[in-house]
Amino acid sequence: MSEFSQSYHLRTSDKGEAISLLKRSGKHGYVFEPINGWVTFVIADGDFSVDEEVTEQNTGTLVHYVYAKDHGWELLVYNKNKLVFDYNCAWEDNLVIKAGKLDLNVIQNLIAEQGNAVDNLESIFDIGDIEELFALETPPAYLIADRLGIVHYDWLSYDSVHDDPSFFQGVTEI
């Protein structure tokens, strides 16, 4: 089975802020305990694209993370309801990268807040071809999540939490 992950990560240490965001947007989901200044949450009916109501109601820094092992990955960063970073890397037969707003300063600042290294950041987003991508030991999506200090991201989606909420400690259903 191939991994399909989709999650949101709100830059806060207050789980209540993520709960309020879900309520304002009228969404059902699960909210995790804060770790490293991030509160992870997943929403129902996610179709692997960002939910416009969630981003419209956002009042902080919000990351939308998608990783589909056999298809691609995406990282979006919002400052309030404004998209400030947009990267999508897809593969089937060929590698296709769409980087509408590839402002590495946004990512560097978030990484620096974690005290993590910002060197070689470009290499995560600058993949030349599909062979290079598959030769990597660790998927770029995992590398960036780790550098950002995001803990909950792999094999994570609304369905994975809904199917076994006991697997994830401290998760609140909204």
N, C-alpha and C. Protein backbone atom coordinates (compact mmCIF):
# COMPACT_ATOMS: atom_id res chain seq x y z
N MET A 1 0.84 -1.17 0.00
CA MET A 1 0.00 0.00 0.00
C MET A 1 0.90 1.25 0.00
N SER A 2 0.49 2.21 -0.76
CA SER A 2 1.26 3.45 -0.89
C SER A 2 0.76 4.50 0.10
N GLU A 3 1.68 5.29 0.58
CA GLU A 3 1.34 6.33 1.55
C GLU A 3 0.57 7.47 0.89
N PHE A 4 -0.50 7.88 1.55
CA PHE A 4 -1.25 9.08 1.19
C PHE A 4 -1.44 9.89 2.47
N SER A 5 -0.71 10.99 2.58
CA SER A 5 -0.78 11.82 3.78
C SER A 5 -1.26 13.22 3.41
N GLN A 6 -2.11 13.77 4.26
CA GLN A 6 -2.57 15.15 4.13
C GLN A 6 -2.85 15.69 5.52
N SER A 7 -2.20 16.81 5.84
CA SER A 7 -2.39 17.38 7.17
C SER A 7 -2.15 18.89 7.14
N TYR A 8 -2.63 19.52 8.19
CA TYR A 8 -2.43 20.95 8.41
C TYR A 8 -1.61 21.11 9.68
N HIS A 9 -0.82 22.20 9.72
CA HIS A 9 0.04 22.46 10.86
C HIS A 9 -0.01 23.94 11.16
N LEU A 10 -0.58 24.27 12.29
CA LEU A 10 -0.74 25.66 12.70
C LEU A 10 0.41 26.03 13.64
N ARG A 11 1.07 27.14 13.35
CA ARG A 11 2.22 27.58 14.16
C ARG A 11 1.71 28.20 15.45
N THR A 12 1.63 27.38 16.47
CA THR A 12 1.15 27.79 17.78
C THR A 12 1.46 26.70 18.78
N SER A 13 1.48 27.07 20.04
CA SER A 13 1.59 26.08 21.12
C SER A 13 0.26 25.92 21.84
N ASP A 14 -0.78 26.52 21.27
CA ASP A 14 -2.11 26.49 21.87
C ASP A 14 -3.06 25.67 21.01
N LYS A 15 -3.35 24.47 21.46
CA LYS A 15 -4.24 23.57 20.74
C LYS A 15 -5.60 24.22 20.49
N GLY A 16 -6.03 25.08 21.41
CA GLY A 16 -7.31 25.76 21.29
C GLY A 16 -7.41 26.63 20.04
N GLU A 17 -6.28 27.17 19.57
CA GLU A 17 -6.30 27.98 18.35
C GLU A 17 -6.67 27.13 17.14
N ALA A 18 -6.16 25.92 17.07
CA ALA A 18 -6.50 25.02 15.95
C ALA A 18 -7.96 24.57 16.06
N ILE A 19 -8.41 24.31 17.27
CA ILE A 19 -9.81 23.94 17.47
C ILE A 19 -10.72 25.08 17.03
N SER A 20 -10.37 26.31 17.39
CA SER A 20 -11.16 27.48 16.99
C SER A 20 -11.16 27.63 15.47
N LEU A 21 -10.02 27.40 14.84
CA LEU A 21 -9.95 27.49 13.38
C LEU A 21 -10.88 26.49 12.72
N LEU A 22 -10.87 25.26 13.22
CA LEU A 22 -11.79 24.25 12.66
C LEU A 22 -13.25 24.67 12.86
N LYS A 23 -13.57 25.16 14.02
CA LYS A 23 -14.96 25.57 14.29
C LYS A 23 -15.36 26.75 13.41
N ARG A 24 -14.48 27.75 13.25
CA ARG A 24 -14.79 28.90 12.40
C ARG A 24 -15.00 28.48 10.94
N SER A 25 -14.25 27.48 10.52
CA SER A 25 -14.36 27.04 9.13
C SER A 25 -15.47 26.02 8.92
N GLY A 26 -16.10 25.59 10.02
CA GLY A 26 -17.21 24.64 9.92
C GLY A 26 -16.77 23.24 9.54
N LYS A 27 -15.55 22.87 9.90
CA LYS A 27 -15.00 21.57 9.51
C LYS A 27 -14.98 20.58 10.68
N HIS A 28 -15.07 19.31 10.34
CA HIS A 28 -14.93 18.22 11.30
C HIS A 28 -13.52 17.67 11.14
N GLY A 29 -12.87 17.37 12.26
CA GLY A 29 -11.54 16.82 12.16
C GLY A 29 -10.98 16.40 13.49
N TYR A 30 -9.66 16.22 13.51
CA TYR A 30 -8.93 15.81 14.70
C TYR A 30 -7.76 16.76 14.89
N VAL A 31 -7.55 17.16 16.15
CA VAL A 31 -6.49 18.10 16.49
C VAL A 31 -5.53 17.42 17.46
N PHE A 32 -4.23 17.52 17.16
CA PHE A 32 -3.18 16.91 17.96
C PHE A 32 -2.68 17.88 19.02
N GLU A 33 -1.98 17.35 20.00
CA GLU A 33 -1.32 18.16 21.00
C GLU A 33 -0.16 18.93 20.35
N PRO A 34 0.15 20.13 20.84
CA PRO A 34 1.26 20.88 20.26
C PRO A 34 2.61 20.21 20.51
N ILE A 35 3.45 20.25 19.48
CA ILE A 35 4.83 19.77 19.58
C ILE A 35 5.69 20.72 18.75
N ASN A 36 6.77 21.21 19.34
CA ASN A 36 7.71 22.09 18.65
C ASN A 36 7.07 23.37 18.12
N GLY A 37 6.01 23.81 18.78
CA GLY A 37 5.36 25.04 18.33
C GLY A 37 4.42 24.85 17.15
N TRP A 38 4.04 23.61 16.89
CA TRP A 38 3.09 23.29 15.82
C TRP A 38 1.93 22.49 16.40
N VAL A 39 0.73 22.81 15.96
CA VAL A 39 -0.44 22.00 16.27
C VAL A 39 -0.92 21.41 14.95
N THR A 40 -0.86 20.10 14.86
CA THR A 40 -1.27 19.38 13.66
C THR A 40 -2.75 19.09 13.75
N PHE A 41 -3.43 19.19 12.59
CA PHE A 41 -4.82 18.75 12.53
C PHE A 41 -5.13 18.22 11.14
N VAL A 42 -6.15 17.39 11.09
CA VAL A 42 -6.64 16.82 9.83
C VAL A 42 -8.13 17.07 9.77
N ILE A 43 -8.64 17.22 8.55
CA ILE A 43 -10.07 17.49 8.41
C ILE A 43 -10.73 16.42 7.55
N ALA A 44 -12.02 16.23 7.79
CA ALA A 44 -12.81 15.29 7.01
C ALA A 44 -12.98 15.82 5.59
N ASP A 45 -13.23 14.92 4.69
CA ASP A 45 -13.52 15.25 3.30
C ASP A 45 -12.35 15.93 2.60
N GLY A 46 -11.14 15.68 3.08
CA GLY A 46 -9.97 16.23 2.40
C GLY A 46 -9.74 15.49 1.09
N ASP A 47 -9.53 16.24 0.02
CA ASP A 47 -9.32 15.62 -1.29
C ASP A 47 -7.90 15.86 -1.79
N PHE A 48 -6.98 16.06 -0.87
CA PHE A 48 -5.57 16.30 -1.15
C PHE A 48 -5.32 17.65 -1.81
N SER A 49 -6.29 18.54 -1.65
CA SER A 49 -6.06 19.94 -2.01
C SER A 49 -6.43 20.75 -0.77
N VAL A 50 -5.87 21.92 -0.66
CA VAL A 50 -6.10 22.75 0.52
C VAL A 50 -7.57 23.17 0.58
N ASP A 51 -8.11 23.20 1.77
CA ASP A 51 -9.50 23.61 1.96
C ASP A 51 -9.57 25.13 2.05
N GLU A 52 -10.30 25.75 1.14
CA GLU A 52 -10.37 27.21 1.08
C GLU A 52 -11.00 27.82 2.32
N GLU A 53 -11.95 27.15 2.92
CA GLU A 53 -12.58 27.71 4.11
C GLU A 53 -11.61 27.73 5.29
N VAL A 54 -10.78 26.70 5.39
CA VAL A 54 -9.77 26.67 6.45
C VAL A 54 -8.78 27.81 6.26
N THR A 55 -8.29 27.99 5.04
CA THR A 55 -7.32 29.06 4.81
C THR A 55 -7.95 30.44 4.96
N GLU A 56 -9.19 30.57 4.57
CA GLU A 56 -9.87 31.87 4.70
C GLU A 56 -10.05 32.26 6.17
N GLN A 57 -10.26 31.28 7.03
CA GLN A 57 -10.48 31.55 8.45
C GLN A 57 -9.18 31.59 9.26
N ASN A 58 -8.05 31.28 8.62
CA ASN A 58 -6.77 31.22 9.32
C ASN A 58 -6.32 32.61 9.77
N THR A 59 -5.81 32.68 10.99
CA THR A 59 -5.32 33.96 11.52
C THR A 59 -3.84 33.92 11.90
N GLY A 60 -3.16 32.82 11.58
CA GLY A 60 -1.75 32.68 11.94
C GLY A 60 -0.94 32.15 10.79
N THR A 61 0.12 31.40 11.10
CA THR A 61 0.93 30.72 10.09
C THR A 61 0.43 29.29 10.00
N LEU A 62 0.07 28.89 8.79
CA LEU A 62 -0.53 27.58 8.56
C LEU A 62 0.19 26.88 7.42
N VAL A 63 0.58 25.63 7.65
CA VAL A 63 1.19 24.80 6.62
C VAL A 63 0.20 23.72 6.22
N HIS A 64 0.06 23.53 4.91
CA HIS A 64 -0.70 22.40 4.38
C HIS A 64 0.31 21.47 3.72
N TYR A 65 0.31 20.21 4.17
CA TYR A 65 1.30 19.21 3.75
C TYR A 65 0.59 18.04 3.10
N VAL A 66 1.08 17.66 1.92
CA VAL A 66 0.54 16.49 1.22
C VAL A 66 1.72 15.66 0.72
N TYR A 67 1.62 14.35 0.93
CA TYR A 67 2.62 13.44 0.37
C TYR A 67 1.91 12.17 -0.08
N ALA A 68 2.03 11.89 -1.36
CA ALA A 68 1.50 10.65 -1.94
C ALA A 68 2.69 9.94 -2.59
N LYS A 69 3.15 8.90 -1.96
CA LYS A 69 4.42 8.27 -2.32
C LYS A 69 4.57 7.97 -3.81
N ASP A 70 3.52 7.53 -4.45
CA ASP A 70 3.60 7.17 -5.86
C ASP A 70 3.21 8.29 -6.80
N HIS A 71 2.92 9.47 -6.26
CA HIS A 71 2.38 10.54 -7.12
C HIS A 71 3.07 11.89 -6.96
N GLY A 72 3.37 12.30 -5.72
CA GLY A 72 3.99 13.61 -5.55
C GLY A 72 3.83 14.14 -4.15
N TRP A 73 4.23 15.41 -3.98
CA TRP A 73 4.08 16.06 -2.69
C TRP A 73 3.87 17.55 -2.90
N GLU A 74 3.29 18.17 -1.87
CA GLU A 74 2.99 19.59 -1.94
C GLU A 74 3.17 20.21 -0.56
N LEU A 75 3.66 21.44 -0.57
CA LEU A 75 3.80 22.21 0.66
C LEU A 75 3.30 23.61 0.39
N LEU A 76 2.31 24.03 1.16
CA LEU A 76 1.77 25.38 1.07
C LEU A 76 1.92 26.02 2.44
N VAL A 77 2.24 27.32 2.46
CA VAL A 77 2.34 28.05 3.71
C VAL A 77 1.48 29.31 3.57
N TYR A 78 0.65 29.53 4.57
CA TYR A 78 -0.22 30.70 4.61
C TYR A 78 0.16 31.57 5.80
N ASN A 79 0.17 32.86 5.57
CA ASN A 79 0.26 33.86 6.63
C ASN A 79 -1.11 34.50 6.69
N LYS A 80 -1.84 34.17 7.74
CA LYS A 80 -3.27 34.49 7.82
C LYS A 80 -3.94 33.83 6.63
N ASN A 81 -4.67 34.56 5.80
CA ASN A 81 -5.32 33.88 4.67
C ASN A 81 -4.58 34.11 3.36
N LYS A 82 -3.34 34.57 3.44
CA LYS A 82 -2.54 34.84 2.24
C LYS A 82 -1.52 33.73 2.00
N LEU A 83 -1.53 33.18 0.81
CA LEU A 83 -0.57 32.16 0.43
C LEU A 83 0.79 32.81 0.24
N VAL A 84 1.80 32.37 1.01
CA VAL A 84 3.13 32.97 0.94
C VAL A 84 4.19 31.98 0.43
N PHE A 85 3.85 30.70 0.34
CA PHE A 85 4.76 29.70 -0.19
C PHE A 85 3.93 28.61 -0.84
N ASP A 86 4.32 28.24 -2.07
CA ASP A 86 3.54 27.27 -2.84
C ASP A 86 4.50 26.41 -3.65
N TYR A 87 4.56 25.12 -3.32
CA TYR A 87 5.44 24.20 -4.03
C TYR A 87 4.70 22.88 -4.25
N ASN A 88 4.75 22.40 -5.49
CA ASN A 88 4.13 21.12 -5.83
C ASN A 88 5.07 20.36 -6.73
N CYS A 89 5.34 19.13 -6.36
CA CYS A 89 6.21 18.25 -7.14
C CYS A 89 5.42 16.96 -7.42
N ALA A 90 5.17 16.70 -8.71
CA ALA A 90 4.38 15.52 -9.08
C ALA A 90 5.20 14.62 -10.00
N TRP A 91 4.92 13.33 -9.94
CA TRP A 91 5.58 12.40 -10.83
C TRP A 91 4.63 11.27 -11.18
N GLU A 92 4.66 10.93 -12.38
CA GLU A 92 4.03 9.73 -12.93
C GLU A 92 5.06 9.21 -13.92
N ASP A 93 4.96 9.67 -15.17
CA ASP A 93 5.98 9.32 -16.18
C ASP A 93 7.15 10.30 -16.12
N ASN A 94 6.84 11.56 -15.85
CA ASN A 94 7.85 12.62 -15.79
C ASN A 94 7.71 13.40 -14.50
N LEU A 95 8.77 14.09 -14.16
CA LEU A 95 8.77 14.97 -12.99
C LEU A 95 8.22 16.33 -13.41
N VAL A 96 7.23 16.82 -12.66
CA VAL A 96 6.65 18.13 -12.93
C VAL A 96 6.66 18.92 -11.63
N ILE A 97 7.38 20.04 -11.64
CA ILE A 97 7.44 20.90 -10.46
C ILE A 97 6.73 22.21 -10.77
N LYS A 98 5.81 22.58 -9.89
CA LYS A 98 5.12 23.86 -9.98
C LYS A 98 5.42 24.61 -8.69
N ALA A 99 6.05 25.73 -8.85
CA ALA A 99 6.44 26.52 -7.68
C ALA A 99 5.95 27.95 -7.88
N GLY A 100 4.66 28.15 -7.63
CA GLY A 100 4.05 29.46 -7.83
C GLY A 100 4.64 30.54 -6.95
N LYS A 101 4.93 30.20 -5.71
CA LYS A 101 5.54 31.14 -4.75
C LYS A 101 6.62 30.40 -3.98
N LEU A 102 7.77 30.32 -4.59
CA LEU A 102 8.88 29.60 -3.97
C LEU A 102 9.77 30.60 -3.24
N ASP A 103 9.23 31.15 -2.16
CA ASP A 103 9.97 32.12 -1.35
C ASP A 103 10.66 31.36 -0.22
N LEU A 104 11.91 30.99 -0.46
CA LEU A 104 12.64 30.18 0.52
C LEU A 104 12.86 30.92 1.83
N ASN A 105 12.78 32.25 1.83
CA ASN A 105 12.89 33.01 3.08
C ASN A 105 11.79 32.62 4.07
N VAL A 106 10.60 32.35 3.55
CA VAL A 106 9.49 31.92 4.40
C VAL A 106 9.86 30.63 5.12
N ILE A 107 10.37 29.66 4.37
CA ILE A 107 10.74 28.36 4.94
C ILE A 107 11.95 28.51 5.85
N GLN A 108 12.94 29.29 5.43
CA GLN A 108 14.14 29.50 6.25
C GLN A 108 13.78 30.07 7.61
N ASN A 109 12.88 31.04 7.65
CA ASN A 109 12.48 31.65 8.92
C ASN A 109 11.80 30.63 9.83
N LEU A 110 10.93 29.80 9.27
CA LEU A 110 10.25 28.79 10.07
C LEU A 110 11.23 27.73 10.58
N ILE A 111 12.19 27.37 9.75
CA ILE A 111 13.21 26.39 10.16
C ILE A 111 14.09 26.99 11.25
N ALA A 112 14.49 28.24 11.06
CA ALA A 112 15.36 28.91 12.04
C ALA A 112 14.67 29.02 13.40
N GLU A 113 13.36 29.20 13.40
CA GLU A 113 12.61 29.25 14.67
C GLU A 113 12.75 27.94 15.44
N GLN A 114 13.00 26.85 14.75
CA GLN A 114 13.18 25.54 15.38
C GLN A 114 14.62 25.32 15.82
N GLY A 115 15.51 26.21 15.37
CA GLY A 115 16.92 26.02 15.66
C GLY A 115 17.57 25.00 14.75
N ASN A 116 16.92 24.69 13.64
CA ASN A 116 17.45 23.71 12.70
C ASN A 116 18.25 24.39 11.59
N ALA A 117 19.10 23.62 10.95
CA ALA A 117 19.97 24.14 9.89
C ALA A 117 19.17 24.53 8.66
N VAL A 118 19.54 25.66 8.08
CA VAL A 118 18.88 26.12 6.85
C VAL A 118 19.77 25.92 5.63
N ASP A 119 20.96 25.33 5.82
CA ASP A 119 21.85 25.10 4.70
C ASP A 119 21.29 24.02 3.76
N ASN A 120 21.65 24.11 2.50
CA ASN A 120 21.21 23.18 1.46
C ASN A 120 19.70 23.08 1.33
N LEU A 121 18.99 24.09 1.76
CA LEU A 121 17.53 24.08 1.67
C LEU A 121 17.06 23.98 0.22
N GLU A 122 17.77 24.65 -0.67
CA GLU A 122 17.39 24.65 -2.09
C GLU A 122 17.33 23.25 -2.66
N SER A 123 18.22 22.37 -2.19
CA SER A 123 18.29 21.01 -2.73
C SER A 123 17.00 20.22 -2.49
N ILE A 124 16.27 20.57 -1.47
CA ILE A 124 15.00 19.88 -1.20
C ILE A 124 13.99 20.18 -2.29
N PHE A 125 14.04 21.39 -2.82
CA PHE A 125 13.04 21.84 -3.80
C PHE A 125 13.55 21.81 -5.23
N ASP A 126 14.84 21.58 -5.43
CA ASP A 126 15.43 21.63 -6.77
C ASP A 126 15.85 20.23 -7.20
N ILE A 127 14.88 19.44 -7.62
CA ILE A 127 15.12 18.08 -8.08
C ILE A 127 15.15 18.12 -9.61
N GLY A 128 16.22 17.58 -10.20
CA GLY A 128 16.41 17.67 -11.64
C GLY A 128 15.53 16.75 -12.46
N ASP A 129 15.41 15.49 -12.02
CA ASP A 129 14.61 14.54 -12.79
C ASP A 129 14.12 13.43 -11.86
N ILE A 130 13.31 12.58 -12.41
CA ILE A 130 12.65 11.54 -11.62
C ILE A 130 13.66 10.52 -11.08
N GLU A 131 14.73 10.25 -11.83
CA GLU A 131 15.75 9.32 -11.36
C GLU A 131 16.45 9.87 -10.12
N GLU A 132 16.75 11.16 -10.16
CA GLU A 132 17.38 11.81 -9.00
C GLU A 132 16.46 11.72 -7.78
N LEU A 133 15.17 11.96 -8.00
CA LEU A 133 14.20 11.91 -6.91
C LEU A 133 14.17 10.53 -6.25
N PHE A 134 14.10 9.49 -7.06
CA PHE A 134 13.98 8.14 -6.51
C PHE A 134 15.31 7.60 -5.97
N ALA A 135 16.40 8.27 -6.28
CA ALA A 135 17.69 7.87 -5.74
C ALA A 135 17.91 8.40 -4.33
N LEU A 136 17.08 9.34 -3.90
CA LEU A 136 17.24 9.93 -2.58
C LEU A 136 16.88 8.93 -1.49
N GLU A 137 17.65 8.95 -0.41
CA GLU A 137 17.39 8.06 0.72
C GLU A 137 16.10 8.42 1.44
N THR A 138 15.88 9.73 1.61
CA THR A 138 14.70 10.24 2.32
C THR A 138 13.93 11.14 1.38
N PRO A 139 12.62 10.96 1.28
CA PRO A 139 11.83 11.82 0.40
C PRO A 139 11.96 13.29 0.81
N PRO A 140 12.04 14.20 -0.16
CA PRO A 140 12.13 15.63 0.17
C PRO A 140 10.98 16.11 1.07
N ALA A 141 9.81 15.55 0.90
CA ALA A 141 8.67 15.94 1.75
C ALA A 141 8.97 15.65 3.22
N TYR A 142 9.61 14.52 3.51
CA TYR A 142 9.99 14.19 4.88
C TYR A 142 11.09 15.12 5.38
N LEU A 143 12.06 15.41 4.50
CA LEU A 143 13.15 16.30 4.90
C LEU A 143 12.64 17.67 5.34
N ILE A 144 11.73 18.24 4.57
CA ILE A 144 11.25 19.58 4.91
C ILE A 144 10.38 19.55 6.16
N ALA A 145 9.56 18.53 6.31
CA ALA A 145 8.73 18.42 7.52
C ALA A 145 9.62 18.31 8.76
N ASP A 146 10.67 17.51 8.67
CA ASP A 146 11.59 17.36 9.80
C ASP A 146 12.29 18.67 10.12
N ARG A 147 12.76 19.35 9.11
CA ARG A 147 13.45 20.62 9.36
C ARG A 147 12.52 21.67 9.95
N LEU A 148 11.26 21.64 9.54
CA LEU A 148 10.29 22.58 10.09
C LEU A 148 9.92 22.25 11.53
N GLY A 149 10.27 21.05 11.97
CA GLY A 149 9.94 20.63 13.33
C GLY A 149 8.57 20.01 13.44
N ILE A 150 7.99 19.67 12.30
CA ILE A 150 6.67 19.03 12.28
C ILE A 150 6.87 17.54 12.56
N VAL A 151 6.18 17.03 13.55
CA VAL A 151 6.35 15.64 13.97
C VAL A 151 5.33 14.72 13.32
N HIS A 152 4.09 15.14 13.30
CA HIS A 152 3.01 14.31 12.74
C HIS A 152 2.81 14.67 11.27
N TYR A 153 3.25 13.78 10.38
CA TYR A 153 3.05 14.02 8.96
C TYR A 153 3.03 12.74 8.14
N ASP A 154 3.82 11.72 8.50
CA ASP A 154 3.89 10.53 7.66
C ASP A 154 2.75 9.57 7.96
N TRP A 155 2.17 9.08 6.88
CA TRP A 155 1.01 8.19 6.95
C TRP A 155 -0.13 8.83 7.75
N LEU A 156 -0.28 10.12 7.61
CA LEU A 156 -1.29 10.84 8.39
C LEU A 156 -2.34 11.46 7.49
N SER A 157 -3.58 11.16 7.79
CA SER A 157 -4.72 11.75 7.10
C SER A 157 -5.92 11.64 8.03
N TYR A 158 -7.00 12.27 7.65
CA TYR A 158 -8.22 12.16 8.44
C TYR A 158 -8.60 10.69 8.60
N ASP A 159 -8.55 9.94 7.52
CA ASP A 159 -8.96 8.53 7.57
C ASP A 159 -8.08 7.72 8.50
N SER A 160 -6.77 7.97 8.51
CA SER A 160 -5.89 7.19 9.39
C SER A 160 -6.20 7.45 10.86
N VAL A 161 -6.55 8.68 11.20
CA VAL A 161 -6.89 8.99 12.59
C VAL A 161 -8.28 8.45 12.91
N HIS A 162 -9.21 8.64 11.98
CA HIS A 162 -10.59 8.19 12.19
C HIS A 162 -10.66 6.66 12.36
N ASP A 163 -9.84 5.95 11.59
CA ASP A 163 -9.85 4.49 11.64
C ASP A 163 -9.27 3.94 12.94
N ASP A 164 -8.35 4.68 13.56
CA ASP A 164 -7.75 4.21 14.81
C ASP A 164 -7.28 5.39 15.65
N PRO A 165 -8.22 6.15 16.25
CA PRO A 165 -7.83 7.32 17.04
C PRO A 165 -6.99 6.97 18.27
N SER A 166 -7.07 5.73 18.75
CA SER A 166 -6.30 5.34 19.94
C SER A 166 -4.80 5.29 19.63
N PHE A 167 -4.47 5.16 18.35
CA PHE A 167 -3.06 5.12 17.95
C PHE A 167 -2.38 6.46 18.19
N PHE A 168 -3.17 7.54 18.14
CA PHE A 168 -2.64 8.89 18.29
C PHE A 168 -3.06 9.43 19.65
N GLN A 169 -2.11 9.58 20.57
CA GLN A 169 -2.42 10.04 21.91
C GLN A 169 -2.73 11.53 21.93
N GLY A 170 -3.70 11.90 22.75
CA GLY A 170 -4.01 13.31 22.96
C GLY A 170 -4.74 13.98 21.83
N VAL A 171 -5.34 13.21 20.93
CA VAL A 171 -6.05 13.79 19.79
C VAL A 171 -7.47 14.15 20.21
N THR A 172 -7.88 15.35 19.83
CA THR A 172 -9.23 15.82 20.13
C THR A 172 -10.06 15.83 18.87
N GLU A 173 -11.25 15.24 18.94
CA GLU A 173 -12.15 15.23 17.80
C GLU A 173 -13.02 16.47 17.84
N ILE A 174 -13.12 17.14 16.71
CA ILE A 174 -13.96 18.34 16.59
C ILE A 174 -15.06 18.05 15.58
